[in-house]
Amino acid sequence: MTEIATWLMVAIAFISLVLTVLVPLLVSLFNAHKVTAKELSKHQTHVAETYATKDDVKDLGDRMERSMNQGFDQIKELINNNRNAA
């Protein structure tokens, strides 16, 4: 019976040692995950507040296209006026 009791004590000591290492490790990983999730949330909020949306970029592209068309029309008109004057 003493051999079984000895092995039981060894098993309890081993399990205690493993839990002494694993529990703090798991707690620290869980806390790191929570901190990372908070940082990601803050970053997502910053990006949403700071950077342009798809609609903003589309509006900018449309304005640039209109401005380019007006500029090309003015250049055509200028060239045509110079040809007619000559």
N, C-alpha and C. Protein backbone atom coordinates (compact mmCIF):
# COMPACT_ATOMS: atom_id res chain seq x y z
N MET A 1 0.80 -1.19 0.00
CA MET A 1 0.00 0.00 0.00
C MET A 1 0.84 1.26 0.00
N THR A 2 2.03 1.19 0.56
CA THR A 2 2.88 2.38 0.60
C THR A 2 3.38 2.75 -0.78
N GLU A 3 3.53 1.74 -1.67
CA GLU A 3 3.97 2.05 -3.04
C GLU A 3 2.88 2.83 -3.77
N ILE A 4 1.63 2.44 -3.59
CA ILE A 4 0.51 3.16 -4.23
C ILE A 4 0.41 4.57 -3.66
N ALA A 5 0.59 4.70 -2.37
CA ALA A 5 0.53 6.02 -1.74
C ALA A 5 1.67 6.89 -2.24
N THR A 6 2.84 6.30 -2.43
CA THR A 6 3.99 7.06 -2.94
C THR A 6 3.70 7.56 -4.36
N TRP A 7 3.19 6.67 -5.22
CA TRP A 7 2.89 7.08 -6.59
C TRP A 7 1.76 8.11 -6.62
N LEU A 8 0.83 7.96 -5.70
CA LEU A 8 -0.25 8.95 -5.62
C LEU A 8 0.30 10.32 -5.21
N MET A 9 1.22 10.34 -4.29
CA MET A 9 1.86 11.59 -3.89
C MET A 9 2.67 12.19 -5.05
N VAL A 10 3.37 11.33 -5.80
CA VAL A 10 4.13 11.80 -6.96
C VAL A 10 3.18 12.41 -8.00
N ALA A 11 2.07 11.74 -8.24
CA ALA A 11 1.09 12.25 -9.21
C ALA A 11 0.52 13.58 -8.76
N ILE A 12 0.20 13.69 -7.47
CA ILE A 12 -0.33 14.95 -6.95
C ILE A 12 0.71 16.06 -7.05
N ALA A 13 1.97 15.74 -6.74
CA ALA A 13 3.04 16.74 -6.85
C ALA A 13 3.23 17.17 -8.30
N PHE A 14 3.18 16.21 -9.24
CA PHE A 14 3.35 16.54 -10.65
C PHE A 14 2.19 17.42 -11.14
N ILE A 15 0.97 17.03 -10.76
CA ILE A 15 -0.19 17.83 -11.18
C ILE A 15 -0.12 19.23 -10.57
N SER A 16 0.31 19.34 -9.34
CA SER A 16 0.46 20.65 -8.70
C SER A 16 1.49 21.50 -9.43
N LEU A 17 2.61 20.87 -9.81
CA LEU A 17 3.65 21.59 -10.54
C LEU A 17 3.14 22.08 -11.90
N VAL A 18 2.44 21.20 -12.60
CA VAL A 18 1.90 21.57 -13.91
C VAL A 18 0.88 22.70 -13.76
N LEU A 19 -0.01 22.60 -12.78
CA LEU A 19 -1.01 23.65 -12.58
C LEU A 19 -0.37 24.96 -12.15
N THR A 20 0.72 24.88 -11.40
CA THR A 20 1.42 26.09 -10.98
C THR A 20 1.98 26.84 -12.18
N VAL A 21 2.34 26.12 -13.22
CA VAL A 21 2.87 26.75 -14.43
C VAL A 21 1.74 27.10 -15.39
N LEU A 22 0.80 26.19 -15.58
CA LEU A 22 -0.22 26.39 -16.60
C LEU A 22 -1.24 27.47 -16.25
N VAL A 23 -1.68 27.52 -15.02
CA VAL A 23 -2.72 28.49 -14.65
C VAL A 23 -2.24 29.93 -14.87
N PRO A 24 -1.06 30.33 -14.37
CA PRO A 24 -0.61 31.71 -14.65
C PRO A 24 -0.37 31.96 -16.14
N LEU A 25 0.10 30.94 -16.84
CA LEU A 25 0.32 31.09 -18.28
C LEU A 25 -1.00 31.33 -19.00
N LEU A 26 -2.01 30.55 -18.68
CA LEU A 26 -3.32 30.73 -19.32
C LEU A 26 -3.95 32.07 -18.95
N VAL A 27 -3.79 32.50 -17.70
CA VAL A 27 -4.31 33.80 -17.28
C VAL A 27 -3.63 34.93 -18.04
N SER A 28 -2.31 34.83 -18.18
CA SER A 28 -1.60 35.88 -18.90
C SER A 28 -1.98 35.90 -20.38
N LEU A 29 -2.17 34.74 -20.98
CA LEU A 29 -2.62 34.69 -22.38
C LEU A 29 -4.01 35.29 -22.54
N PHE A 30 -4.89 34.99 -21.61
CA PHE A 30 -6.24 35.55 -21.65
C PHE A 30 -6.20 37.07 -21.52
N ASN A 31 -5.39 37.57 -20.60
CA ASN A 31 -5.27 39.02 -20.42
C ASN A 31 -4.66 39.68 -21.66
N ALA A 32 -3.66 39.04 -22.25
CA ALA A 32 -3.05 39.59 -23.47
C ALA A 32 -4.08 39.63 -24.59
N HIS A 33 -4.93 38.62 -24.68
CA HIS A 33 -5.97 38.61 -25.70
C HIS A 33 -6.95 39.75 -25.49
N LYS A 34 -7.34 40.01 -24.25
CA LYS A 34 -8.26 41.11 -23.96
C LYS A 34 -7.63 42.45 -24.32
N VAL A 35 -6.35 42.63 -23.98
CA VAL A 35 -5.66 43.89 -24.29
C VAL A 35 -5.57 44.08 -25.81
N THR A 36 -5.24 43.02 -26.51
CA THR A 36 -5.15 43.11 -27.97
C THR A 36 -6.50 43.42 -28.59
N ALA A 37 -7.56 42.84 -28.07
CA ALA A 37 -8.90 43.11 -28.59
C ALA A 37 -9.28 44.57 -28.36
N LYS A 38 -8.92 45.13 -27.20
CA LYS A 38 -9.21 46.54 -26.94
C LYS A 38 -8.42 47.45 -27.88
N GLU A 39 -7.14 47.13 -28.09
CA GLU A 39 -6.32 47.93 -29.00
C GLU A 39 -6.86 47.87 -30.42
N LEU A 40 -7.29 46.70 -30.85
CA LEU A 40 -7.86 46.56 -32.19
C LEU A 40 -9.14 47.38 -32.31
N SER A 41 -9.95 47.36 -31.29
CA SER A 41 -11.18 48.15 -31.31
C SER A 41 -10.88 49.64 -31.42
N LYS A 42 -9.90 50.10 -30.65
CA LYS A 42 -9.51 51.51 -30.73
C LYS A 42 -8.98 51.86 -32.11
N HIS A 43 -8.19 50.95 -32.69
CA HIS A 43 -7.64 51.20 -34.02
C HIS A 43 -8.74 51.24 -35.07
N GLN A 44 -9.72 50.34 -34.96
CA GLN A 44 -10.83 50.35 -35.91
C GLN A 44 -11.61 51.66 -35.81
N THR A 45 -11.81 52.15 -34.60
CA THR A 45 -12.50 53.42 -34.42
C THR A 45 -11.69 54.55 -35.04
N HIS A 46 -10.38 54.54 -34.83
CA HIS A 46 -9.51 55.58 -35.40
C HIS A 46 -9.59 55.57 -36.93
N VAL A 47 -9.52 54.39 -37.51
CA VAL A 47 -9.59 54.28 -38.97
C VAL A 47 -10.93 54.77 -39.48
N ALA A 48 -12.01 54.41 -38.81
CA ALA A 48 -13.35 54.83 -39.24
C ALA A 48 -13.50 56.34 -39.16
N GLU A 49 -12.85 56.97 -38.18
CA GLU A 49 -12.98 58.42 -38.02
C GLU A 49 -12.03 59.17 -38.95
N THR A 50 -10.90 58.60 -39.30
CA THR A 50 -9.84 59.34 -39.97
C THR A 50 -9.83 59.16 -41.49
N TYR A 51 -9.98 57.94 -41.96
CA TYR A 51 -9.77 57.68 -43.38
C TYR A 51 -11.06 57.76 -44.18
N ALA A 52 -10.90 57.96 -45.47
CA ALA A 52 -12.05 58.17 -46.35
C ALA A 52 -12.82 56.87 -46.56
N THR A 53 -14.10 57.02 -46.77
CA THR A 53 -14.93 55.86 -47.08
C THR A 53 -14.95 55.67 -48.59
N LYS A 54 -15.54 54.58 -49.03
CA LYS A 54 -15.65 54.31 -50.47
C LYS A 54 -16.44 55.42 -51.17
N ASP A 55 -17.49 55.91 -50.52
CA ASP A 55 -18.30 56.98 -51.12
C ASP A 55 -17.49 58.26 -51.27
N ASP A 56 -16.65 58.56 -50.26
CA ASP A 56 -15.80 59.76 -50.35
C ASP A 56 -14.85 59.67 -51.53
N VAL A 57 -14.24 58.50 -51.70
CA VAL A 57 -13.29 58.31 -52.80
C VAL A 57 -14.02 58.39 -54.14
N LYS A 58 -15.23 57.81 -54.21
CA LYS A 58 -16.00 57.87 -55.46
C LYS A 58 -16.36 59.31 -55.79
N ASP A 59 -16.80 60.08 -54.79
CA ASP A 59 -17.12 61.49 -55.03
C ASP A 59 -15.89 62.26 -55.50
N LEU A 60 -14.76 62.00 -54.89
CA LEU A 60 -13.52 62.66 -55.32
C LEU A 60 -13.19 62.31 -56.76
N GLY A 61 -13.31 61.04 -57.12
CA GLY A 61 -13.05 60.62 -58.50
C GLY A 61 -13.99 61.28 -59.48
N ASP A 62 -15.26 61.38 -59.11
CA ASP A 62 -16.24 62.03 -59.99
C ASP A 62 -15.91 63.51 -60.18
N ARG A 63 -15.52 64.18 -59.09
CA ARG A 63 -15.16 65.60 -59.21
C ARG A 63 -13.93 65.77 -60.09
N MET A 64 -12.95 64.90 -59.91
CA MET A 64 -11.73 64.99 -60.74
C MET A 64 -12.06 64.76 -62.21
N GLU A 65 -12.94 63.79 -62.47
CA GLU A 65 -13.32 63.50 -63.85
C GLU A 65 -14.03 64.71 -64.48
N ARG A 66 -14.94 65.33 -63.74
CA ARG A 66 -15.63 66.52 -64.26
C ARG A 66 -14.64 67.65 -64.53
N SER A 67 -13.71 67.85 -63.61
CA SER A 67 -12.71 68.91 -63.79
C SER A 67 -11.84 68.64 -65.01
N MET A 68 -11.46 67.38 -65.19
CA MET A 68 -10.62 67.03 -66.36
C MET A 68 -11.41 67.26 -67.64
N ASN A 69 -12.68 66.86 -67.65
CA ASN A 69 -13.50 67.06 -68.86
C ASN A 69 -13.63 68.55 -69.17
N GLN A 70 -13.85 69.37 -68.15
CA GLN A 70 -13.94 70.81 -68.37
C GLN A 70 -12.61 71.36 -68.90
N GLY A 71 -11.51 70.89 -68.34
CA GLY A 71 -10.19 71.34 -68.81
C GLY A 71 -9.94 70.93 -70.25
N PHE A 72 -10.30 69.70 -70.62
CA PHE A 72 -10.12 69.25 -72.00
C PHE A 72 -11.00 70.05 -72.96
N ASP A 73 -12.23 70.33 -72.52
CA ASP A 73 -13.12 71.13 -73.35
C ASP A 73 -12.54 72.53 -73.58
N GLN A 74 -11.95 73.11 -72.52
CA GLN A 74 -11.34 74.44 -72.66
C GLN A 74 -10.13 74.38 -73.61
N ILE A 75 -9.36 73.33 -73.53
CA ILE A 75 -8.20 73.20 -74.44
C ILE A 75 -8.67 73.04 -75.87
N LYS A 76 -9.71 72.22 -76.11
CA LYS A 76 -10.26 72.06 -77.46
C LYS A 76 -10.75 73.39 -78.00
N GLU A 77 -11.47 74.11 -77.15
CA GLU A 77 -12.00 75.41 -77.57
C GLU A 77 -10.87 76.37 -77.91
N LEU A 78 -9.82 76.38 -77.11
CA LEU A 78 -8.67 77.25 -77.35
C LEU A 78 -7.98 76.89 -78.67
N ILE A 79 -7.82 75.58 -78.91
CA ILE A 79 -7.17 75.14 -80.16
C ILE A 79 -8.05 75.51 -81.35
N ASN A 80 -9.37 75.28 -81.24
CA ASN A 80 -10.26 75.62 -82.34
C ASN A 80 -10.28 77.12 -82.61
N ASN A 81 -10.24 77.94 -81.57
CA ASN A 81 -10.22 79.38 -81.74
C ASN A 81 -8.93 79.82 -82.42
N ASN A 82 -7.82 79.20 -82.09
CA ASN A 82 -6.54 79.55 -82.72
C ASN A 82 -6.52 79.14 -84.19
N ARG A 83 -7.13 78.02 -84.53
CA ARG A 83 -7.20 77.57 -85.93
C ARG A 83 -8.07 78.53 -86.74
N ASN A 84 -9.22 78.93 -86.16
CA ASN A 84 -10.13 79.81 -86.87
C ASN A 84 -9.53 81.20 -87.04
N ALA A 85 -8.73 81.62 -86.09
CA ALA A 85 -8.16 82.94 -86.17
C ALA A 85 -7.03 82.99 -87.21
N ALA A 86 -6.39 81.85 -87.45
CA ALA A 86 -5.24 81.84 -88.36
C ALA A 86 -5.62 81.73 -89.78
